[in-house]
């Protein structure tokens, strides 16, 4: 797909790091599968991956964790 940010590059399958922050909680998830622009590096995750990332962020916040760095290992099935 054409990158909506730079409008020049095409995206290719790759991996990215996603950082989520809310209410004093910071969650960094590395090696997230994404479509990455070959020109500017902007990354796009699909809907199911985004859902999984948000679920993990909520789970982290409920556990009382302030900062966490994790490796993406696929879905938890929730």
N, C-alpha and C. Protein backbone atom coordinates (compact mmCIF):
# COMPACT_ATOMS: atom_id res chain seq x y z
N UNK A 1 0.84 -1.18 0.00
CA UNK A 1 0.00 0.00 0.00
C UNK A 1 0.88 1.24 0.00
N UNK A 2 0.37 2.33 -0.50
CA UNK A 2 1.09 3.60 -0.51
C UNK A 2 1.06 4.20 0.90
N UNK A 3 2.18 4.70 1.37
CA UNK A 3 2.28 5.30 2.69
C UNK A 3 1.44 6.58 2.76
N UNK A 4 0.60 6.68 3.78
CA UNK A 4 -0.25 7.87 3.92
C UNK A 4 0.50 9.03 4.56
N UNK A 5 1.67 8.78 5.12
CA UNK A 5 2.46 9.84 5.75
C UNK A 5 3.33 10.57 4.71
N UNK A 6 4.22 9.85 4.05
CA UNK A 6 5.12 10.50 3.09
C UNK A 6 4.55 10.54 1.68
N UNK A 7 3.57 9.69 1.41
CA UNK A 7 2.92 9.60 0.10
C UNK A 7 3.88 9.24 -1.04
N UNK A 8 5.04 8.75 -0.69
CA UNK A 8 6.05 8.39 -1.70
C UNK A 8 6.33 6.89 -1.72
N UNK A 9 6.52 6.30 -0.54
CA UNK A 9 6.95 4.91 -0.47
C UNK A 9 5.81 3.92 -0.44
N UNK A 10 6.16 2.69 -0.72
CA UNK A 10 5.25 1.56 -0.59
C UNK A 10 5.61 0.83 0.70
N UNK A 11 4.61 0.19 1.31
CA UNK A 11 4.88 -0.55 2.53
C UNK A 11 5.25 -1.99 2.20
N UNK A 12 6.06 -2.56 3.06
CA UNK A 12 6.51 -3.94 2.94
C UNK A 12 6.36 -4.61 4.30
N UNK A 13 6.16 -5.92 4.33
CA UNK A 13 6.10 -6.61 5.62
C UNK A 13 7.40 -6.42 6.38
N UNK A 14 7.28 -6.19 7.68
CA UNK A 14 8.45 -5.99 8.52
C UNK A 14 8.05 -6.04 9.99
N UNK A 15 8.87 -5.43 10.81
CA UNK A 15 8.61 -5.39 12.25
C UNK A 15 8.88 -3.98 12.75
N UNK A 16 8.21 -3.63 13.85
CA UNK A 16 8.37 -2.31 14.44
C UNK A 16 8.32 -2.41 15.96
N UNK A 17 8.66 -1.35 16.61
CA UNK A 17 8.52 -1.24 18.06
C UNK A 17 7.38 -0.28 18.34
N UNK A 18 6.47 -0.70 19.21
CA UNK A 18 5.31 0.12 19.56
C UNK A 18 5.45 0.55 21.02
N UNK A 19 5.29 1.84 21.27
CA UNK A 19 5.31 2.37 22.63
C UNK A 19 3.93 2.93 22.94
N UNK A 20 3.33 2.43 24.01
CA UNK A 20 2.01 2.90 24.44
C UNK A 20 2.16 3.54 25.82
N UNK A 21 1.58 4.73 25.98
CA UNK A 21 1.64 5.44 27.25
C UNK A 21 0.25 5.95 27.62
N UNK A 22 -0.11 5.77 28.91
CA UNK A 22 -1.36 6.31 29.41
C UNK A 22 -1.35 6.27 30.93
N UNK A 23 -1.78 7.35 31.54
CA UNK A 23 -1.92 7.43 32.99
C UNK A 23 -0.69 6.94 33.75
N UNK A 24 0.48 7.36 33.29
CA UNK A 24 1.72 7.01 33.98
C UNK A 24 2.26 5.63 33.67
N UNK A 25 1.61 4.88 32.79
CA UNK A 25 2.08 3.54 32.41
C UNK A 25 2.72 3.63 31.02
N UNK A 26 3.91 3.05 30.89
CA UNK A 26 4.59 2.99 29.60
C UNK A 26 4.87 1.53 29.27
N UNK A 27 4.38 1.11 28.12
CA UNK A 27 4.59 -0.26 27.65
C UNK A 27 5.28 -0.19 26.29
N UNK A 28 6.42 -0.85 26.19
CA UNK A 28 7.16 -0.92 24.93
C UNK A 28 7.12 -2.38 24.46
N UNK A 29 6.64 -2.58 23.24
CA UNK A 29 6.58 -3.93 22.68
C UNK A 29 7.42 -3.95 21.41
N UNK A 30 8.42 -4.83 21.40
CA UNK A 30 9.36 -4.90 20.28
C UNK A 30 8.98 -6.02 19.32
N UNK A 31 9.45 -5.89 18.09
CA UNK A 31 9.27 -6.91 17.04
C UNK A 31 7.80 -7.19 16.74
N UNK A 32 7.01 -6.12 16.66
CA UNK A 32 5.60 -6.23 16.30
C UNK A 32 5.49 -6.33 14.78
N UNK A 33 4.76 -7.32 14.27
CA UNK A 33 4.61 -7.43 12.82
C UNK A 33 3.83 -6.22 12.28
N UNK A 34 4.32 -5.67 11.19
CA UNK A 34 3.70 -4.47 10.62
C UNK A 34 4.03 -4.36 9.15
N UNK A 35 3.32 -3.47 8.48
CA UNK A 35 3.68 -3.04 7.14
C UNK A 35 4.49 -1.76 7.33
N UNK A 36 5.72 -1.73 6.83
CA UNK A 36 6.63 -0.62 7.07
C UNK A 36 6.96 0.07 5.75
N UNK A 37 6.84 1.40 5.74
CA UNK A 37 7.15 2.17 4.54
C UNK A 37 8.64 2.09 4.22
N UNK A 38 8.94 1.76 2.98
CA UNK A 38 10.33 1.64 2.55
C UNK A 38 11.00 3.01 2.44
N UNK A 39 10.23 4.08 2.39
CA UNK A 39 10.78 5.42 2.24
C UNK A 39 11.00 6.12 3.59
N UNK A 40 9.95 6.20 4.40
CA UNK A 40 10.05 6.99 5.65
C UNK A 40 10.07 6.15 6.92
N UNK A 41 9.77 4.85 6.82
CA UNK A 41 9.81 3.98 7.98
C UNK A 41 8.53 3.95 8.81
N UNK A 42 7.49 4.68 8.38
CA UNK A 42 6.22 4.65 9.11
C UNK A 42 5.69 3.22 9.11
N UNK A 43 5.19 2.78 10.28
CA UNK A 43 4.71 1.40 10.41
C UNK A 43 3.21 1.37 10.64
N UNK A 44 2.58 0.38 10.04
CA UNK A 44 1.13 0.19 10.15
C UNK A 44 0.87 -1.22 10.64
N UNK A 45 0.15 -1.36 11.76
CA UNK A 45 -0.22 -2.69 12.25
C UNK A 45 -1.66 -2.97 11.86
N UNK A 46 -1.98 -4.24 11.67
CA UNK A 46 -3.35 -4.58 11.29
C UNK A 46 -4.27 -4.52 12.51
N UNK A 47 -5.56 -4.64 12.26
CA UNK A 47 -6.56 -4.48 13.32
C UNK A 47 -6.40 -5.50 14.44
N UNK A 48 -6.15 -6.76 14.10
CA UNK A 48 -6.03 -7.77 15.16
C UNK A 48 -4.78 -7.54 16.01
N UNK A 49 -3.69 -7.11 15.39
CA UNK A 49 -2.48 -6.81 16.15
C UNK A 49 -2.71 -5.61 17.05
N UNK A 50 -3.38 -4.57 16.54
CA UNK A 50 -3.68 -3.39 17.36
C UNK A 50 -4.54 -3.78 18.56
N UNK A 51 -5.52 -4.64 18.34
CA UNK A 51 -6.37 -5.11 19.43
C UNK A 51 -5.54 -5.83 20.48
N UNK A 52 -4.64 -6.69 20.03
CA UNK A 52 -3.77 -7.43 20.95
C UNK A 52 -2.87 -6.49 21.75
N UNK A 53 -2.32 -5.48 21.09
CA UNK A 53 -1.45 -4.52 21.79
C UNK A 53 -2.23 -3.77 22.87
N UNK A 54 -3.43 -3.34 22.55
CA UNK A 54 -4.26 -2.63 23.52
C UNK A 54 -4.66 -3.53 24.69
N UNK A 55 -4.96 -4.78 24.40
CA UNK A 55 -5.26 -5.74 25.46
C UNK A 55 -4.06 -5.88 26.41
N UNK A 56 -2.89 -6.02 25.85
CA UNK A 56 -1.68 -6.16 26.68
C UNK A 56 -1.43 -4.91 27.50
N UNK A 57 -1.70 -3.75 26.93
CA UNK A 57 -1.52 -2.49 27.67
C UNK A 57 -2.48 -2.43 28.85
N UNK A 58 -3.74 -2.80 28.64
CA UNK A 58 -4.72 -2.81 29.73
C UNK A 58 -4.31 -3.80 30.81
N UNK A 59 -3.85 -4.97 30.39
CA UNK A 59 -3.40 -5.99 31.34
C UNK A 59 -2.22 -5.49 32.16
N UNK A 60 -1.30 -4.81 31.52
CA UNK A 60 -0.13 -4.25 32.20
C UNK A 60 -0.55 -3.20 33.22
N UNK A 61 -1.47 -2.32 32.83
CA UNK A 61 -1.94 -1.27 33.74
C UNK A 61 -2.66 -1.88 34.95
N UNK A 62 -3.49 -2.90 34.73
CA UNK A 62 -4.20 -3.56 35.84
C UNK A 62 -3.24 -4.21 36.82
N UNK A 63 -2.09 -4.65 36.32
CA UNK A 63 -1.11 -5.30 37.18
C UNK A 63 -0.31 -4.30 38.01
N UNK A 64 -0.50 -3.02 37.74
CA UNK A 64 0.20 -1.99 38.50
C UNK A 64 1.61 -1.70 38.01
N UNK A 65 1.94 -2.18 36.84
CA UNK A 65 3.27 -1.96 36.28
C UNK A 65 3.36 -0.53 35.76
N UNK A 66 4.47 0.14 36.02
CA UNK A 66 4.66 1.50 35.54
C UNK A 66 5.39 1.53 34.19
N UNK A 67 6.42 0.69 34.04
CA UNK A 67 7.20 0.62 32.80
C UNK A 67 7.49 -0.85 32.51
N UNK A 68 7.26 -1.24 31.26
CA UNK A 68 7.51 -2.63 30.89
C UNK A 68 7.97 -2.67 29.43
N UNK A 69 8.95 -3.52 29.15
CA UNK A 69 9.42 -3.74 27.79
C UNK A 69 9.23 -5.22 27.49
N UNK A 70 8.50 -5.52 26.41
CA UNK A 70 8.19 -6.90 26.08
C UNK A 70 8.50 -7.19 24.62
N UNK A 71 8.64 -8.46 24.35
CA UNK A 71 8.81 -8.95 22.98
C UNK A 71 7.43 -9.41 22.50
N UNK A 72 7.06 -9.07 21.29
CA UNK A 72 5.78 -9.52 20.74
C UNK A 72 5.89 -10.98 20.37
N UNK A 73 5.00 -11.80 20.90
CA UNK A 73 5.06 -13.24 20.63
C UNK A 73 3.76 -13.79 20.07
N UNK A 74 2.89 -12.95 19.55
CA UNK A 74 1.63 -13.42 18.99
C UNK A 74 0.48 -13.17 19.93
N UNK A 75 -0.67 -13.69 19.55
CA UNK A 75 -1.88 -13.39 20.31
C UNK A 75 -2.01 -14.26 21.54
N UNK A 76 -2.75 -13.70 22.51
CA UNK A 76 -3.04 -14.43 23.74
C UNK A 76 -4.37 -15.15 23.63
N UNK A 77 -5.10 -14.91 22.51
CA UNK A 77 -6.36 -15.57 22.30
C UNK A 77 -7.53 -14.87 22.95
N UNK A 78 -7.34 -13.64 23.37
CA UNK A 78 -8.43 -12.90 24.02
C UNK A 78 -8.92 -11.81 23.13
